[in-house]
């Protein structure tokens, strides 16, 4: 798989690049230290995975995520950042990120997390997953009175079909979308619910009254 890295922290950027270059199943397609450099990379051949920081010196990585999802529709986006607050996490998800790692917790397993993302998973730092679950738990979360606000209407439709036992291919046919689009929806569902497996997603949805 091809991977590009956009991060202004030279230590993390060098680590990520060396990790990718050392992996036999990965190829570093480019690296940039700022938003402008990231946009230039998006003018080239599509990459399979984009690793991006949110706090770039000339703007927010959220802008790059938005653009990447528009021009490279099959590209998976992994956020690697020091920002673990709710505002940054939700903004990244809404922009199209399907993985979110805190830099102080994701370095040792970075290669495995990239592989997981590319295979259809949603790698999330445990602290982020916990905060997402806390945000949507019935007791303290302001959205608890309306749990359906957690997922979009299309995400709820995908989750409903998945809980009925339909494969992602079947879901794609029923909703008249591509299998890749379904995989993207599934990753976003997992991300928003703070889960990693289908069974966990089903249990979380039932607990929140979504499915």
Protein backbone atom coordinates (compact mmCIF):
# COMPACT_ATOMS: atom_id res chain seq x y z
CA UNK A 1 0.00 0.00 0.00
CA UNK A 2 1.12 3.58 -0.59
CA UNK A 3 1.20 6.00 2.34
CA UNK A 4 1.82 9.73 2.67
CA UNK A 5 2.62 11.59 5.88
CA UNK A 6 1.79 15.23 6.67
CA UNK A 7 3.16 16.33 10.03
CA UNK A 8 5.18 19.32 11.21
CA UNK A 9 6.82 17.41 14.07
CA UNK A 10 10.13 16.21 12.55
CA UNK A 11 10.58 13.50 15.17
CA UNK A 12 7.21 11.88 14.53
CA UNK A 13 7.39 12.49 10.78
CA UNK A 14 10.79 10.80 10.55
CA UNK A 15 9.55 7.92 12.71
CA UNK A 16 6.46 7.43 10.57
CA UNK A 17 8.44 7.61 7.33
CA UNK A 18 11.09 5.17 8.52
CA UNK A 19 8.41 2.78 9.78
CA UNK A 20 6.67 2.84 6.40
CA UNK A 21 9.92 2.44 4.46
CA UNK A 22 10.91 -0.54 6.61
CA UNK A 23 7.60 -2.34 6.07
CA UNK A 24 7.67 -4.81 3.15
CA UNK A 25 4.01 -4.20 2.31
CA UNK A 26 4.17 -0.39 2.34
CA UNK A 27 5.68 2.34 0.20
CA UNK A 28 6.19 5.94 1.27
CA UNK A 29 4.60 8.01 -1.50
CA UNK A 30 5.44 11.39 -0.01
CA UNK A 31 5.84 13.47 3.13
CA UNK A 32 5.16 17.12 3.98
CA UNK A 33 5.61 19.35 6.99
CA UNK A 34 2.73 21.75 6.45
CA UNK A 35 -0.72 22.16 4.93
CA UNK A 36 0.58 23.66 1.70
CA UNK A 37 2.88 20.70 1.19
CA UNK A 38 0.02 18.34 1.90
CA UNK A 39 -2.15 19.97 -0.74
CA UNK A 40 0.70 19.62 -3.25
CA UNK A 41 0.88 15.89 -2.50
CA UNK A 42 -2.85 15.60 -3.22
CA UNK A 43 -2.14 16.77 -6.76
CA UNK A 44 -0.18 13.57 -7.40
CA UNK A 45 -1.19 9.93 -7.72
CA UNK A 46 -3.72 8.79 -5.10
CA UNK A 47 -2.30 7.13 -2.00
CA UNK A 48 -3.97 4.33 -0.08
CA UNK A 49 -3.44 5.90 3.34
CA UNK A 50 -2.96 9.49 4.50
CA UNK A 51 -1.48 10.08 7.95
CA UNK A 52 -2.08 13.67 9.01
CA UNK A 53 -1.61 15.85 12.07
CA UNK A 54 -4.31 18.37 12.92
CA UNK A 55 -2.11 21.19 14.18
CA UNK A 56 -0.09 22.26 11.15
CA UNK A 57 1.83 25.57 11.09
CA UNK A 58 -0.18 27.07 8.23
CA UNK A 59 -3.62 25.69 8.95
CA UNK A 60 -5.66 22.77 10.24
CA UNK A 61 -5.23 19.21 9.08
CA UNK A 62 -9.04 19.07 8.97
CA UNK A 63 -8.85 21.02 5.71
CA UNK A 64 -6.53 18.41 4.25
CA UNK A 65 -8.81 15.58 5.34
CA UNK A 66 -11.79 17.25 3.64
CA UNK A 67 -9.86 17.68 0.40
CA UNK A 68 -8.31 14.21 0.48
CA UNK A 69 -11.71 12.59 0.89
CA UNK A 70 -12.98 14.61 -2.09
CA UNK A 71 -10.11 13.98 -4.53
CA UNK A 72 -8.93 10.56 -3.31
CA UNK A 73 -12.20 8.80 -2.54
CA UNK A 74 -10.56 5.44 -1.80
CA UNK A 75 -7.90 6.88 0.50
CA UNK A 76 -8.12 6.02 4.21
CA UNK A 77 -7.23 8.83 6.60
CA UNK A 78 -5.41 8.32 9.89
CA UNK A 79 -5.12 11.26 12.27
CA UNK A 80 -1.96 11.20 14.39
CA UNK A 81 -1.96 14.12 16.79
CA UNK A 82 -1.55 15.39 20.34
CA UNK A 83 -5.11 16.76 20.34
CA UNK A 84 -7.42 14.41 22.20
CA UNK A 85 -10.25 16.78 23.03
CA UNK A 86 -13.80 16.17 21.85
CA UNK A 87 -13.90 19.10 19.43
CA UNK A 88 -10.89 17.93 17.42
CA UNK A 89 -11.98 14.28 17.44
CA UNK A 90 -15.52 14.98 16.22
CA UNK A 91 -14.31 17.48 13.62
CA UNK A 92 -11.86 14.91 12.24
CA UNK A 93 -14.56 12.22 12.06
CA UNK A 94 -16.97 14.54 10.31
CA UNK A 95 -14.26 15.51 7.83
CA UNK A 96 -13.76 11.85 6.90
CA UNK A 97 -11.05 10.45 9.17
CA UNK A 98 -11.50 6.77 9.99
CA UNK A 99 -8.57 6.36 12.38
CA UNK A 100 -7.45 8.55 15.29
CA UNK A 101 -4.23 7.99 17.22
CA UNK A 102 -2.66 10.08 19.92
CA UNK A 103 1.05 10.39 19.24
CA UNK A 104 2.08 9.32 22.71
CA UNK A 105 0.17 6.05 22.41
CA UNK A 106 0.51 4.99 18.78
CA UNK A 107 4.20 4.97 17.97
CA UNK A 108 5.11 1.39 18.85
CA UNK A 109 2.34 -0.17 16.74
CA UNK A 110 2.13 2.36 13.94
CA UNK A 111 2.73 -0.15 11.14
CA UNK A 112 0.07 -2.50 12.50
CA UNK A 113 -2.40 0.36 12.88
CA UNK A 114 -1.84 1.44 9.27
CA UNK A 115 -2.46 -2.14 8.10
CA UNK A 116 -5.61 -2.33 10.23
CA UNK A 117 -6.93 0.92 8.75
CA UNK A 118 -6.25 -0.21 5.18
CA UNK A 119 -7.93 -3.56 5.86
CA UNK A 120 -11.15 -1.85 6.90
CA UNK A 121 -10.58 -1.28 10.62
CA UNK A 122 -10.74 1.96 12.58
CA UNK A 123 -7.68 2.20 14.84
CA UNK A 124 -8.48 4.45 17.79
CA UNK A 125 -6.34 5.25 20.81
CA UNK A 126 -8.05 3.79 23.92
CA UNK A 127 -8.35 7.22 25.52
CA UNK A 128 -10.19 8.55 22.44
CA UNK A 129 -12.51 5.54 22.34
CA UNK A 130 -13.34 6.05 26.00
CA UNK A 131 -14.12 9.72 25.46
CA UNK A 132 -16.36 8.92 22.51
CA UNK A 133 -18.29 6.36 24.54
CA UNK A 134 -18.58 8.83 27.42
CA UNK A 135 -19.91 11.49 25.07
CA UNK A 136 -22.68 9.22 23.85
CA UNK A 137 -23.53 7.43 27.10
CA UNK A 138 -27.13 8.01 28.23
CA UNK A 139 -26.36 9.61 31.58
CA UNK A 140 -24.01 12.56 31.08
CA UNK A 141 -24.04 13.20 27.36
CA UNK A 142 -26.25 16.06 26.16
CA UNK A 143 -27.15 14.02 23.08
CA UNK A 144 -28.39 11.10 25.16
CA UNK A 145 -31.99 12.28 24.87
CA UNK A 146 -31.66 11.79 21.12
CA UNK A 147 -29.25 8.86 20.58
CA UNK A 148 -30.03 8.85 16.87
CA UNK A 149 -27.96 12.05 16.59
CA UNK A 150 -24.84 9.92 16.99
CA UNK A 151 -25.11 8.45 13.50
CA UNK A 152 -26.34 9.93 10.25
CA UNK A 153 -29.46 8.49 8.62
CA UNK A 154 -27.37 6.58 6.08
CA UNK A 155 -25.06 5.25 8.79
CA UNK A 156 -28.09 4.03 10.74
CA UNK A 157 -29.36 2.30 7.59
CA UNK A 158 -26.01 0.56 7.11
CA UNK A 159 -25.86 -0.47 10.77
CA UNK A 160 -29.42 -1.80 10.65
CA UNK A 161 -28.62 -4.03 7.68
CA UNK A 162 -25.38 -5.20 9.25
CA UNK A 163 -27.18 -6.15 12.47
CA UNK A 164 -29.62 -8.19 10.36
CA UNK A 165 -26.70 -10.27 9.14
CA UNK A 166 -26.21 -8.85 5.64
CA UNK A 167 -22.67 -8.84 4.28
CA UNK A 168 -21.08 -5.56 3.22
CA UNK A 169 -21.55 -6.62 -0.41
CA UNK A 170 -25.27 -7.22 0.21
CA UNK A 171 -25.56 -3.88 1.99
CA UNK A 172 -23.93 -2.15 -0.99
CA UNK A 173 -26.43 -3.73 -3.39
CA UNK A 174 -29.43 -2.82 -1.22
CA UNK A 175 -28.34 0.79 -0.82
CA UNK A 176 -27.10 1.14 -4.42
CA UNK A 177 -23.60 2.20 -3.40
CA UNK A 178 -20.15 0.72 -3.87
CA UNK A 179 -18.69 -1.82 -1.40
CA UNK A 180 -15.93 0.70 -0.63
CA UNK A 181 -18.57 3.26 0.37
CA UNK A 182 -20.12 0.70 2.71
CA UNK A 183 -16.71 -0.05 4.23
CA UNK A 184 -16.25 3.68 4.79
CA UNK A 185 -19.64 3.93 6.51
CA UNK A 186 -18.83 0.90 8.67
CA UNK A 187 -15.51 2.42 9.73
CA UNK A 188 -17.25 5.68 10.65
CA UNK A 189 -19.90 3.76 12.62
CA UNK A 190 -17.20 1.90 14.54
CA UNK A 191 -15.35 5.16 15.10
CA UNK A 192 -18.39 7.04 16.39
CA UNK A 193 -19.49 4.17 18.65
CA UNK A 194 -15.93 3.65 19.91
CA UNK A 195 -15.89 -0.05 18.96
CA UNK A 196 -13.63 -2.31 16.93
CA UNK A 197 -15.77 -5.31 15.92
CA UNK A 198 -19.18 -6.02 14.43
CA UNK A 199 -20.45 -7.63 17.63
CA UNK A 200 -19.35 -4.62 19.70
CA UNK A 201 -21.09 -2.29 17.24
CA UNK A 202 -24.34 -4.27 17.51
CA UNK A 203 -24.24 -4.22 21.31
CA UNK A 204 -23.46 -0.48 21.41
CA UNK A 205 -26.29 0.27 18.96
CA UNK A 206 -28.79 -1.73 20.99
CA UNK A 207 -27.64 -0.13 24.23
CA UNK A 208 -28.23 3.31 22.74
CA UNK A 209 -31.51 2.33 21.15
CA UNK A 210 -30.28 2.92 17.61
CA UNK A 211 -30.92 -0.56 16.25
